[in-house]
Protein backbone atom coordinates (compact mmCIF):
# COMPACT_ATOMS: atom_id res chain seq x y z
CA MET A 1 65.31 -115.99 35.39
CA SER A 2 64.64 -114.48 32.07
CA THR A 3 66.35 -111.52 30.54
CA PRO A 4 64.10 -108.49 30.02
CA GLY A 5 63.67 -107.40 26.44
CA PRO A 6 63.53 -103.87 25.11
CA GLU A 7 61.29 -101.47 27.06
CA ARG A 8 57.84 -101.11 25.54
CA VAL A 9 56.42 -97.60 25.34
CA PRO A 10 52.68 -97.51 25.41
CA SER A 11 51.09 -95.61 22.51
CA SER A 12 48.69 -92.81 23.40
CA VAL A 13 45.36 -92.34 21.67
CA LYS A 14 43.73 -88.91 21.68
CA VAL A 15 40.09 -89.00 22.56
CA GLY A 16 37.77 -86.03 22.21
CA LYS A 17 35.75 -84.68 25.06
CA THR A 18 33.28 -87.08 26.38
CA SER A 19 29.65 -86.45 26.85
CA GLY A 20 29.86 -87.21 30.50
CA GLN A 21 29.36 -90.97 30.15
CA GLY A 22 32.81 -91.73 28.89
CA LYS A 23 31.59 -91.59 25.27
CA PRO A 24 32.68 -89.12 22.69
CA PRO A 25 30.14 -86.47 21.70
CA THR A 26 27.85 -87.33 18.88
CA GLY A 27 28.17 -83.90 17.14
CA PRO A 28 30.50 -83.23 14.26
CA ALA A 29 34.13 -83.19 15.02
CA LYS A 30 35.72 -79.77 15.57
CA LYS A 31 37.92 -78.75 12.72
CA THR A 32 41.43 -78.02 13.62
CA GLY A 33 43.52 -75.30 12.16
CA ALA A 34 42.36 -72.13 10.30
CA ALA A 35 39.39 -72.70 8.10
CA LYS A 36 39.87 -71.71 4.52
CA LYS A 37 37.43 -69.20 3.14
CA THR A 38 35.40 -70.52 0.36
CA GLY A 39 34.11 -68.47 -2.52
CA PRO A 40 30.67 -68.60 -4.02
CA PRO A 41 29.62 -71.94 -5.31
CA ALA A 42 30.81 -72.61 -8.79
CA LYS A 43 28.28 -72.46 -11.53
CA LYS A 44 27.11 -75.70 -12.88
CA ALA A 45 28.85 -76.73 -16.00
CA GLY A 46 26.92 -77.39 -19.10
CA GLY A 47 24.84 -74.18 -19.02
CA GLY A 48 22.24 -75.49 -16.69
CA LYS A 49 19.27 -73.30 -16.09
CA GLY A 50 19.56 -71.38 -12.82
CA LYS A 51 17.29 -68.77 -11.24
CA LYS A 52 18.11 -65.17 -12.16
CA PRO A 53 18.92 -62.92 -9.22
CA VAL A 54 15.97 -60.71 -8.24
CA THR A 55 16.71 -57.01 -8.06
CA PRO A 56 15.08 -55.49 -4.96
CA VAL A 57 12.46 -52.80 -5.75
CA THR A 58 12.79 -49.60 -3.76
CA VAL A 59 9.45 -47.93 -2.99
CA LYS A 60 9.77 -44.20 -2.33
CA GLY A 61 7.10 -42.65 -0.15
CA SER A 62 5.45 -39.49 -1.58
CA ARG A 63 5.94 -36.30 0.50
CA SER A 64 2.79 -34.35 1.38
CA MET A 65 2.77 -30.85 -0.20
CA GLY A 66 0.26 -29.46 2.29
CA PRO A 67 2.74 -28.21 4.91
CA ILE A 68 5.00 -26.74 2.22
CA ILE A 69 2.12 -24.78 0.69
CA VAL A 70 1.04 -23.48 4.10
CA ILE A 71 4.56 -22.40 5.03
CA GLY A 72 4.96 -20.66 1.66
CA ALA A 73 1.67 -18.82 2.04
CA VAL A 74 2.55 -17.66 5.55
CA ALA A 75 5.94 -16.44 4.32
CA LEU A 76 4.33 -14.48 1.48
CA ILE A 77 1.81 -12.87 3.85
CA ALA A 78 4.57 -11.93 6.29
CA LEU A 79 6.61 -10.45 3.46
CA ALA A 80 3.63 -8.45 2.25
CA ILE A 81 2.99 -7.08 5.75
CA VAL A 82 6.60 -6.07 6.16
CA GLY A 83 6.65 -4.49 2.70
CA PHE A 84 3.47 -2.53 3.39
CA GLY A 85 4.87 -1.36 6.70
CA VAL A 86 8.03 -0.08 5.04
CA TYR A 87 5.97 1.61 2.31
CA SER A 88 3.71 3.27 4.90
CA VAL A 89 6.69 4.59 6.84
CA VAL A 90 8.26 6.01 3.70
CA GLN A 91 4.98 7.55 2.53
CA GLY A 92 4.27 8.94 5.99
CA SER A 93 7.61 10.70 6.07
CA ARG A 94 6.85 12.60 2.84
CA ASN A 95 5.25 16.05 3.06
CA TRP A 96 2.09 16.98 1.19
CA GLU A 97 4.03 19.00 -1.40
CA ASP A 98 5.85 15.84 -2.50
CA LYS A 99 2.67 13.80 -2.49
CA VAL A 100 0.64 16.25 -4.58
CA ALA A 101 3.50 16.43 -7.07
CA ASP A 102 2.89 12.71 -7.76
CA ILE A 103 -0.58 13.55 -9.14
CA LYS A 104 -0.22 13.87 -12.89
CA GLY A 105 -1.19 17.29 -14.23
CA VAL A 106 -0.84 19.26 -10.99
CA VAL A 107 0.72 22.70 -11.45
CA ASN A 108 2.73 24.04 -8.51
CA TYR A 109 2.77 27.83 -8.74
CA ARG A 110 4.91 28.07 -5.63
CA ALA A 111 7.88 27.08 -7.74
CA GLN A 112 7.33 30.08 -10.01
CA LYS A 113 7.87 32.57 -7.18
CA ASN A 114 5.48 34.99 -8.85
CA PRO A 115 4.98 38.02 -6.54
CA GLN A 116 1.47 38.63 -7.87
CA ILE A 117 0.39 35.05 -7.11
CA ASP A 118 2.15 35.02 -3.74
CA ASP A 119 0.58 38.32 -2.67
CA ARG A 120 -1.57 37.89 0.42
CA SER A 121 -2.66 41.47 0.99
CA HIS A 122 -6.29 42.51 1.48
CA LYS A 123 -7.81 44.77 -1.13
CA ASP A 124 -11.34 45.93 -1.92
CA GLY A 125 -13.02 45.92 -5.29
CA THR A 126 -12.60 43.75 -8.35
CA LEU A 127 -9.08 42.37 -8.73
CA THR A 128 -7.11 40.89 -11.64
CA TYR A 129 -5.43 37.51 -11.28
CA VAL A 130 -2.65 35.68 -13.11
CA THR A 131 -4.49 32.38 -13.43
CA SER A 132 -8.09 31.52 -14.19
CA PRO A 133 -9.50 30.42 -11.84
CA PRO A 134 -7.11 32.16 -9.46
CA VAL A 135 -4.90 30.15 -7.11
CA GLY A 136 -3.52 33.00 -5.06
CA GLY A 137 -2.88 36.71 -4.89
CA ALA A 138 -4.35 39.75 -3.21
CA HIS A 139 -7.92 39.18 -2.07
CA ASN A 140 -10.86 40.59 -0.20
CA ALA A 141 -10.68 40.62 3.58
CA THR A 142 -13.79 38.40 3.76
CA PRO A 143 -13.36 34.73 2.85
CA GLN A 144 -16.03 32.83 0.97
CA ASN A 145 -17.94 30.31 3.05
CA CYS A 146 -16.13 27.02 2.34
CA ASN A 147 -17.74 24.67 4.79
CA GLY A 148 -18.86 22.06 2.27
CA ASP A 149 -20.85 24.56 0.21
CA VAL A 150 -22.24 23.72 -3.22
CA TYR A 151 -22.89 26.96 -5.12
CA ASP A 152 -25.03 26.89 -8.26
CA ALA A 153 -23.81 30.28 -9.51
CA PRO A 154 -20.30 31.72 -9.98
CA ILE A 155 -18.77 33.25 -6.86
CA ALA A 156 -16.47 36.24 -6.56
CA ASN A 157 -12.79 35.44 -7.11
CA GLU A 158 -11.71 37.92 -4.44
CA HIS A 159 -13.52 36.04 -1.67
CA ALA A 160 -12.74 32.57 -3.01
CA VAL A 161 -9.00 33.30 -3.01
CA HIS A 162 -9.19 34.27 0.65
CA SER A 163 -10.75 30.86 1.36
CA LEU A 164 -7.82 29.23 -0.44
CA GLU A 165 -5.52 31.06 1.94
CA HIS A 166 -7.42 29.37 4.78
CA GLY A 167 -6.68 25.96 3.27
CA ALA A 168 -9.84 25.38 1.24
CA VAL A 169 -10.09 23.35 -1.95
CA TRP A 170 -12.19 25.14 -4.57
CA ILE A 171 -13.65 22.90 -7.28
CA THR A 172 -14.92 24.73 -10.34
CA TYR A 173 -16.52 23.52 -13.57
CA ASN A 174 -17.53 24.93 -16.92
CA PRO A 175 -21.35 24.82 -16.97
CA ASP A 176 -21.32 24.58 -20.78
CA GLN A 177 -19.16 21.44 -20.77
CA VAL A 178 -20.23 19.52 -17.66
CA SER A 179 -23.56 17.73 -17.39
CA LYS A 180 -25.90 17.92 -14.43
CA ALA A 181 -25.05 14.32 -13.60
CA ASP A 182 -21.34 15.18 -13.50
CA VAL A 183 -22.04 18.21 -11.31
CA ALA A 184 -23.88 15.89 -8.92
CA GLU A 185 -20.81 13.63 -8.78
CA LEU A 186 -18.57 16.59 -7.98
CA ALA A 187 -21.01 17.75 -5.31
CA LYS A 188 -20.56 14.42 -3.51
CA LEU A 189 -16.91 15.31 -2.89
CA VAL A 190 -17.87 18.67 -1.42
CA ASP A 191 -21.20 18.14 0.31
CA GLY A 192 -20.61 17.99 4.06
CA GLU A 193 -16.82 18.37 3.78
CA SER A 194 -15.43 21.31 5.71
CA GLY A 195 -12.72 23.10 3.77
CA ARG A 196 -14.28 22.51 0.34
CA MET A 197 -16.57 24.44 -1.99
CA LEU A 198 -17.96 23.91 -5.49
CA SER A 199 -19.14 26.48 -8.02
CA PRO A 200 -19.57 26.96 -11.78
CA TYR A 201 -16.97 29.10 -13.54
CA LYS A 202 -17.90 30.70 -16.84
CA GLY A 203 -15.31 30.64 -19.61
CA LEU A 204 -13.19 27.99 -17.91
CA ASP A 205 -10.66 26.55 -20.39
CA SER A 206 -11.15 23.04 -19.01
CA PRO A 207 -14.32 21.18 -18.05
CA ILE A 208 -13.17 20.93 -14.42
CA SER A 209 -10.50 22.74 -12.42
CA LEU A 210 -9.44 22.28 -8.79
CA GLN A 211 -7.65 24.98 -6.82
CA ALA A 212 -5.77 25.11 -3.55
CA TRP A 213 -3.47 27.97 -2.61
CA ASN A 214 -0.81 28.16 -5.37
CA THR A 215 -1.78 24.68 -6.62
CA GLN A 216 -4.08 23.71 -9.50
CA LEU A 217 -5.30 20.63 -11.36
CA LYS A 218 -7.42 20.67 -14.53
CA VAL A 219 -9.21 17.54 -15.78
CA ALA A 220 -11.66 16.67 -18.54
CA LYS A 221 -14.06 14.26 -16.82
CA ALA A 222 -15.90 14.15 -13.51
CA ASP A 223 -14.98 10.50 -12.94
CA ASP A 224 -11.25 11.23 -13.11
CA LYS A 225 -9.69 9.64 -10.00
CA ARG A 226 -7.28 12.54 -9.64
CA ILE A 227 -10.14 14.80 -8.53
CA LYS A 228 -10.65 12.87 -5.30
CA GLN A 229 -6.92 12.42 -4.82
CA PHE A 230 -6.38 16.17 -5.04
CA ALA A 231 -9.34 17.03 -2.80
CA ASP A 232 -8.42 14.47 -0.12
CA LEU A 233 -4.78 15.47 -0.09
CA MET A 234 -5.10 19.25 -0.28
CA THR A 235 -8.04 20.06 2.00
CA TYR A 236 -6.58 22.29 4.73
CA LYS A 237 -3.04 21.30 3.73
CA ALA A 238 -2.09 24.58 2.02
CA ASN A 239 -3.45 26.58 4.93
CA LEU A 240 -1.36 29.70 5.38
CA GLU A 241 -3.36 30.75 8.44
CA PRO A 242 -3.68 27.67 10.67
CA GLY A 243 -6.82 27.82 12.78
CA ALA A 244 -8.61 30.28 10.49
CA SER A 245 -12.20 29.27 9.89
CA CYS A 246 -13.93 28.37 6.64
CA GLU A 247 -17.30 29.50 8.00
CA ASN A 248 -18.93 32.75 7.00
CA PRO A 249 -22.65 32.61 7.73
CA THR A 250 -23.30 35.81 5.80
CA PHE A 251 -22.39 34.07 2.55
CA VAL A 252 -24.79 31.22 3.25
CA SER A 253 -27.80 33.53 3.15
CA SER A 254 -26.51 36.00 0.57
CA PRO A 255 -23.41 34.99 -1.38
CA LEU A 256 -21.61 37.34 -3.70
CA VAL A 257 -21.44 36.31 -7.32
CA GLU A 258 -18.70 37.02 -9.80
CA GLY A 259 -18.69 40.65 -10.87
CA ASP A 260 -20.39 41.99 -7.75
CA SER A 261 -18.53 44.58 -5.74
CA SER A 262 -16.83 43.02 -2.74
CA ARG A 263 -18.75 43.25 0.46
CA GLY A 264 -15.96 44.18 2.82
CA THR A 265 -15.18 42.45 6.07
CA ASP A 266 -18.74 41.77 7.27
CA GLY A 267 -17.25 41.17 10.69
CA MET A 268 -15.03 38.39 9.32
CA THR A 269 -11.32 38.60 10.11
CA ASP A 270 -8.19 36.51 9.74
CA SER A 271 -7.79 36.00 13.45
CA ALA A 272 -7.37 32.36 14.36
CA THR A 273 -10.60 30.54 15.06
CA THR A 274 -11.55 26.93 15.51
CA THR A 275 -12.19 25.13 12.25
CA THR A 276 -15.35 23.09 12.01
CA PRO A 277 -14.72 19.99 9.90
CA GLY A 278 -17.85 18.15 8.93
CA ALA A 279 -20.17 20.89 10.10
CA GLY A 280 -22.48 20.16 7.19
CA ALA A 281 -22.97 21.34 3.67
CA THR A 282 -25.03 24.21 2.46
CA LYS A 283 -26.35 24.51 -1.05
CA THR A 284 -26.26 28.20 -1.76
CA THR A 285 -28.13 29.99 -4.50
CA ALA A 286 -26.85 33.35 -5.63
CA PRO A 287 -29.40 36.18 -5.84
């Protein structure tokens, strides 16, 4: 019987996972432990030629200006509409006295508080006035027909002033300084316009003069834009007897000229009547 020797310990061999057939997998062996990070590959020594890095090119797309232009145009139009609306409201809130004061050269005799100009009494006969042509004062009881009449001879101040009291605009011109063509241009502003009348005025110190009650504008040329501005603004605005008519048929057939004795009432009064805008013009020739 033999004596046993020292105990043998079998050595163990680690084998990776098998592929199912008892053989180790054919793929690369799995690294154990934490993998060390590696930096970029070192450049080749000796100055070898390598490819230069390519810088990427950024292509920026162009923005269409069409929508921006449209939006800007719409904004400008909206701003203009709002601005015009504000301007219209402000202008609409102003009275005609303020508006006529904006016309260069207009003289406002109301501010003078002259009793002779402010006088509204009725008197017969030839009267004397402060201004020439007159803009106010005592006058004949019969108003001059001012229903768009174009007179080719001077008319009586006393009747014309009464028409101013009814809100008429009286356009006068110096026949020695204004041509026939210019008279025709002035007639266009009067012809067919109720509340206006046109007549020559001898000795006038300006080629053309426009009168409303206590308001006057003198200009040198018939194409002066202020003439239309004054006529459009002042027709029936300075009416001290609202509702009083500018019609007097008697004057259409037989007007009184300057220097004639006043005719009297001729059935015409200051009682309120219905005005007749646009009733038509009448070209009247003095006898």
